[in-house]
N, C-alpha and C. Protein backbone atom coordinates (compact mmCIF):
# COMPACT_ATOMS: atom_id res chain seq x y z
N UNK A 1 84.35 94.78 73.85
CA UNK A 1 85.33 93.78 73.54
C UNK A 1 85.42 93.64 72.03
N UNK A 2 86.61 93.33 71.57
CA UNK A 2 86.79 93.04 70.16
C UNK A 2 86.77 91.53 69.95
N UNK A 3 86.08 91.11 68.91
CA UNK A 3 85.94 89.69 68.60
C UNK A 3 86.26 89.48 67.13
N UNK A 4 87.15 88.53 66.87
CA UNK A 4 87.47 88.18 65.49
C UNK A 4 87.42 86.67 65.35
N UNK A 5 86.73 86.21 64.32
CA UNK A 5 86.61 84.79 64.05
C UNK A 5 87.54 84.43 62.91
N UNK A 6 88.38 83.42 63.14
CA UNK A 6 89.32 82.93 62.14
C UNK A 6 88.91 81.50 61.78
N UNK A 7 88.56 81.26 60.52
CA UNK A 7 88.25 79.91 60.06
C UNK A 7 89.41 79.40 59.24
N UNK A 8 90.04 78.31 59.73
CA UNK A 8 91.20 77.75 59.03
C UNK A 8 91.22 76.23 59.20
N UNK A 9 91.35 75.54 58.08
CA UNK A 9 91.53 74.10 58.12
C UNK A 9 90.51 73.34 58.94
N UNK A 10 89.26 73.72 58.86
CA UNK A 10 88.22 73.04 59.61
C UNK A 10 88.10 73.48 61.06
N UNK A 11 88.94 74.39 61.48
CA UNK A 11 88.89 74.91 62.85
C UNK A 11 88.28 76.30 62.85
N UNK A 12 87.55 76.62 63.91
CA UNK A 12 87.01 77.96 64.10
C UNK A 12 87.62 78.53 65.37
N UNK A 13 88.55 79.44 65.18
CA UNK A 13 89.21 80.10 66.30
C UNK A 13 88.50 81.42 66.56
N UNK A 14 88.06 81.62 67.79
CA UNK A 14 87.45 82.88 68.19
C UNK A 14 88.43 83.60 69.11
N UNK A 15 88.90 84.75 68.65
CA UNK A 15 89.85 85.57 69.41
C UNK A 15 89.10 86.77 69.98
N UNK A 16 89.22 86.97 71.28
CA UNK A 16 88.52 88.07 71.95
C UNK A 16 89.50 88.78 72.87
N UNK A 17 89.49 90.11 72.82
CA UNK A 17 90.29 90.87 73.79
C UNK A 17 89.47 92.04 74.31
N UNK A 18 89.77 92.40 75.55
CA UNK A 18 89.16 93.60 76.12
C UNK A 18 89.63 94.79 75.30
N UNK A 19 88.74 95.69 75.04
CA UNK A 19 88.97 96.80 74.10
C UNK A 19 90.22 97.62 74.42
N UNK A 20 90.48 97.88 75.69
CA UNK A 20 91.59 98.76 76.06
C UNK A 20 92.96 98.12 75.84
N UNK A 21 93.00 96.83 75.55
CA UNK A 21 94.28 96.13 75.35
C UNK A 21 94.78 96.15 73.92
N UNK A 22 93.90 96.42 72.98
CA UNK A 22 94.26 96.36 71.56
C UNK A 22 95.43 97.28 71.24
N UNK A 23 96.46 96.72 70.60
CA UNK A 23 97.63 97.49 70.21
C UNK A 23 98.71 97.58 71.27
N UNK A 24 98.45 97.04 72.45
CA UNK A 24 99.44 97.10 73.53
C UNK A 24 100.35 95.89 73.51
N UNK A 25 101.46 95.99 74.21
CA UNK A 25 102.37 94.87 74.42
C UNK A 25 102.45 94.61 75.92
N UNK A 26 102.17 93.39 76.32
CA UNK A 26 102.22 92.99 77.72
C UNK A 26 103.53 92.26 77.96
N UNK A 27 104.23 92.62 79.03
CA UNK A 27 105.50 91.99 79.32
C UNK A 27 105.59 91.67 80.80
N UNK A 28 106.07 90.46 81.08
CA UNK A 28 106.33 90.04 82.45
C UNK A 28 107.41 88.96 82.40
N UNK A 29 108.56 89.27 82.95
CA UNK A 29 109.68 88.33 82.88
C UNK A 29 110.03 88.04 81.43
N UNK A 30 110.07 86.76 81.09
CA UNK A 30 110.37 86.34 79.72
C UNK A 30 109.14 86.33 78.82
N UNK A 31 107.97 86.55 79.39
CA UNK A 31 106.73 86.52 78.60
C UNK A 31 106.47 87.87 77.94
N UNK A 32 106.23 87.83 76.66
CA UNK A 32 105.86 89.02 75.91
C UNK A 32 104.66 88.67 75.05
N UNK A 33 103.61 89.47 75.13
CA UNK A 33 102.43 89.24 74.29
C UNK A 33 102.04 90.54 73.62
N UNK A 34 102.06 90.52 72.31
CA UNK A 34 101.61 91.66 71.53
C UNK A 34 100.14 91.46 71.20
N UNK A 35 99.34 92.45 71.49
CA UNK A 35 97.90 92.38 71.24
C UNK A 35 97.66 93.01 69.87
N UNK A 36 97.83 92.19 68.84
CA UNK A 36 97.83 92.68 67.46
C UNK A 36 96.42 92.84 66.90
N UNK A 37 96.25 93.96 66.21
CA UNK A 37 94.95 94.24 65.60
C UNK A 37 94.56 93.20 64.57
N UNK A 38 95.52 92.70 63.80
CA UNK A 38 95.15 91.75 62.74
C UNK A 38 94.64 90.42 63.31
N UNK A 39 94.94 90.14 64.56
CA UNK A 39 94.45 88.91 65.18
C UNK A 39 93.17 89.13 65.98
N UNK A 40 93.10 90.21 66.74
CA UNK A 40 91.99 90.44 67.66
C UNK A 40 90.93 91.42 67.16
N UNK A 41 91.31 92.38 66.33
CA UNK A 41 90.34 93.43 66.00
C UNK A 41 89.36 92.98 64.93
N UNK A 42 88.17 92.76 65.40
CA UNK A 42 87.06 92.41 64.52
C UNK A 42 85.89 93.27 64.92
N UNK A 43 84.80 92.63 65.20
CA UNK A 43 83.60 93.35 65.62
C UNK A 43 83.65 93.65 67.11
N UNK A 44 83.05 94.77 67.47
CA UNK A 44 82.85 95.07 68.89
C UNK A 44 81.59 94.35 69.33
N UNK A 45 81.70 93.66 70.45
CA UNK A 45 80.54 92.94 70.97
C UNK A 45 80.46 93.12 72.47
N UNK A 46 79.27 92.97 72.99
CA UNK A 46 79.10 93.01 74.44
C UNK A 46 79.41 91.63 75.01
N UNK A 47 79.85 91.58 76.25
CA UNK A 47 80.17 90.28 76.86
C UNK A 47 78.98 89.32 76.86
N UNK A 48 77.77 89.85 76.96
CA UNK A 48 76.59 89.00 77.03
C UNK A 48 76.28 88.29 75.71
N UNK A 49 76.85 88.76 74.61
CA UNK A 49 76.56 88.16 73.31
C UNK A 49 77.61 87.15 72.87
N UNK A 50 78.57 86.84 73.72
CA UNK A 50 79.68 85.96 73.34
C UNK A 50 79.37 84.47 73.47
N UNK A 51 78.40 84.10 74.27
CA UNK A 51 78.14 82.69 74.54
C UNK A 51 77.91 81.86 73.30
N UNK A 52 77.16 82.37 72.35
CA UNK A 52 76.90 81.63 71.11
C UNK A 52 78.16 81.39 70.31
N UNK A 53 79.00 82.42 70.22
CA UNK A 53 80.28 82.26 69.50
C UNK A 53 81.18 81.26 70.21
N UNK A 54 81.23 81.32 71.51
CA UNK A 54 82.06 80.39 72.26
C UNK A 54 81.61 78.95 72.03
N UNK A 55 80.32 78.73 71.95
CA UNK A 55 79.78 77.38 71.74
C UNK A 55 80.14 76.83 70.37
N UNK A 56 80.27 77.69 69.37
CA UNK A 56 80.58 77.27 68.01
C UNK A 56 82.07 77.11 67.74
N UNK A 57 82.90 77.67 68.60
CA UNK A 57 84.36 77.67 68.38
C UNK A 57 84.97 76.31 68.68
N UNK A 58 86.03 75.98 67.94
CA UNK A 58 86.84 74.82 68.29
C UNK A 58 88.07 75.26 69.07
N UNK A 59 88.42 76.55 68.95
CA UNK A 59 89.55 77.12 69.70
C UNK A 59 89.13 78.50 70.19
N UNK A 60 89.40 78.78 71.45
CA UNK A 60 89.18 80.12 72.01
C UNK A 60 90.53 80.71 72.40
N UNK A 61 90.73 81.98 72.09
CA UNK A 61 91.90 82.72 72.55
C UNK A 61 91.35 83.99 73.18
N UNK A 62 91.45 84.08 74.48
CA UNK A 62 90.81 85.16 75.24
C UNK A 62 91.85 85.94 76.02
N UNK A 63 91.81 87.26 75.87
CA UNK A 63 92.79 88.11 76.53
C UNK A 63 92.08 89.29 77.18
N UNK A 64 92.24 89.39 78.48
CA UNK A 64 91.65 90.50 79.22
C UNK A 64 90.88 89.99 80.42
N UNK A 65 90.92 90.73 81.48
CA UNK A 65 90.27 90.31 82.72
C UNK A 65 88.76 90.17 82.56
N UNK A 66 88.14 91.08 81.82
CA UNK A 66 86.69 91.02 81.67
C UNK A 66 86.26 89.79 80.88
N UNK A 67 86.85 89.59 79.71
CA UNK A 67 86.42 88.46 78.87
C UNK A 67 86.75 87.12 79.52
N UNK A 68 87.91 87.00 80.14
CA UNK A 68 88.26 85.73 80.78
C UNK A 68 87.34 85.46 81.96
N UNK A 69 87.04 86.48 82.77
CA UNK A 69 86.12 86.29 83.89
C UNK A 69 84.74 85.84 83.41
N UNK A 70 84.27 86.42 82.31
CA UNK A 70 82.97 86.02 81.75
C UNK A 70 83.01 84.56 81.30
N UNK A 71 84.10 84.17 80.62
CA UNK A 71 84.23 82.80 80.13
C UNK A 71 84.32 81.80 81.27
N UNK A 72 85.01 82.15 82.34
CA UNK A 72 85.10 81.29 83.52
C UNK A 72 83.71 81.17 84.15
N UNK A 73 83.03 82.29 84.31
CA UNK A 73 81.71 82.30 84.93
C UNK A 73 80.68 81.48 84.17
N UNK A 74 80.84 81.37 82.86
CA UNK A 74 79.90 80.59 82.04
C UNK A 74 80.37 79.16 81.81
N UNK A 75 81.49 78.79 82.40
CA UNK A 75 81.95 77.41 82.30
C UNK A 75 82.73 77.05 81.05
N UNK A 76 83.12 78.04 80.25
CA UNK A 76 83.91 77.77 79.05
C UNK A 76 85.39 77.60 79.37
N UNK A 77 85.85 78.17 80.48
CA UNK A 77 87.25 78.14 80.86
C UNK A 77 87.35 77.71 82.32
N UNK A 78 88.29 76.82 82.60
CA UNK A 78 88.58 76.41 83.98
C UNK A 78 89.51 77.47 84.58
N UNK A 79 89.12 78.04 85.71
CA UNK A 79 89.90 79.11 86.35
C UNK A 79 91.32 78.67 86.68
N UNK A 80 91.54 77.38 86.87
CA UNK A 80 92.88 76.87 87.17
C UNK A 80 93.81 76.92 85.96
N UNK A 81 93.25 77.14 84.78
CA UNK A 81 94.05 77.15 83.55
C UNK A 81 94.23 78.56 82.98
N UNK A 82 94.05 79.57 83.80
CA UNK A 82 94.19 80.96 83.36
C UNK A 82 95.59 81.45 83.69
N UNK A 83 96.23 82.03 82.70
CA UNK A 83 97.57 82.60 82.83
C UNK A 83 97.42 84.11 83.02
N UNK A 84 98.31 84.71 83.79
CA UNK A 84 98.33 86.17 83.91
C UNK A 84 99.65 86.70 83.41
N UNK A 85 99.57 87.72 82.57
CA UNK A 85 100.75 88.41 82.07
C UNK A 85 100.59 89.87 82.43
N UNK A 86 101.47 90.37 83.27
CA UNK A 86 101.41 91.77 83.72
C UNK A 86 100.04 92.13 84.29
N UNK A 87 99.45 91.20 85.03
CA UNK A 87 98.15 91.44 85.65
C UNK A 87 96.96 91.28 84.74
N UNK A 88 97.18 90.84 83.49
CA UNK A 88 96.10 90.67 82.52
C UNK A 88 95.88 89.17 82.31
N UNK A 89 94.65 88.73 82.43
CA UNK A 89 94.32 87.31 82.28
C UNK A 89 94.31 86.90 80.80
N UNK A 90 94.79 85.66 80.57
CA UNK A 90 94.82 85.09 79.23
C UNK A 90 94.43 83.63 79.33
N UNK A 91 93.56 83.19 78.44
CA UNK A 91 93.15 81.79 78.43
C UNK A 91 92.99 81.30 77.00
N UNK A 92 93.37 80.05 76.81
CA UNK A 92 93.16 79.39 75.53
C UNK A 92 92.44 78.08 75.80
N UNK A 93 91.50 77.77 74.93
CA UNK A 93 90.76 76.52 75.03
C UNK A 93 90.76 75.88 73.67
N UNK A 94 91.11 74.59 73.64
CA UNK A 94 91.11 73.83 72.40
C UNK A 94 90.17 72.63 72.59
N UNK A 95 89.21 72.51 71.70
CA UNK A 95 88.29 71.38 71.76
C UNK A 95 89.01 70.15 71.22
N UNK A 96 88.94 69.07 71.97
CA UNK A 96 89.61 67.84 71.56
C UNK A 96 88.59 66.78 71.21
């Protein structure tokens, strides 16, 4: 998985995508999502090492069936709040 941390204005956004999605465009109906390298491509990490980053983030942006399933399984994401675009899971979490 690719992981990139964006620190802006006191917020820590952690963007993670499954490796095979990088550079692709997902389309379904009116929904279009470009999986841009400048947003998602950071360090390669294993799914098991993401928990610490997720705990420190104020915003999560997760794209891909593997990463979203891991986040749901660890309680970071509510499965009822997962969107699918062209069969690919996407979840965002904002700490309030």
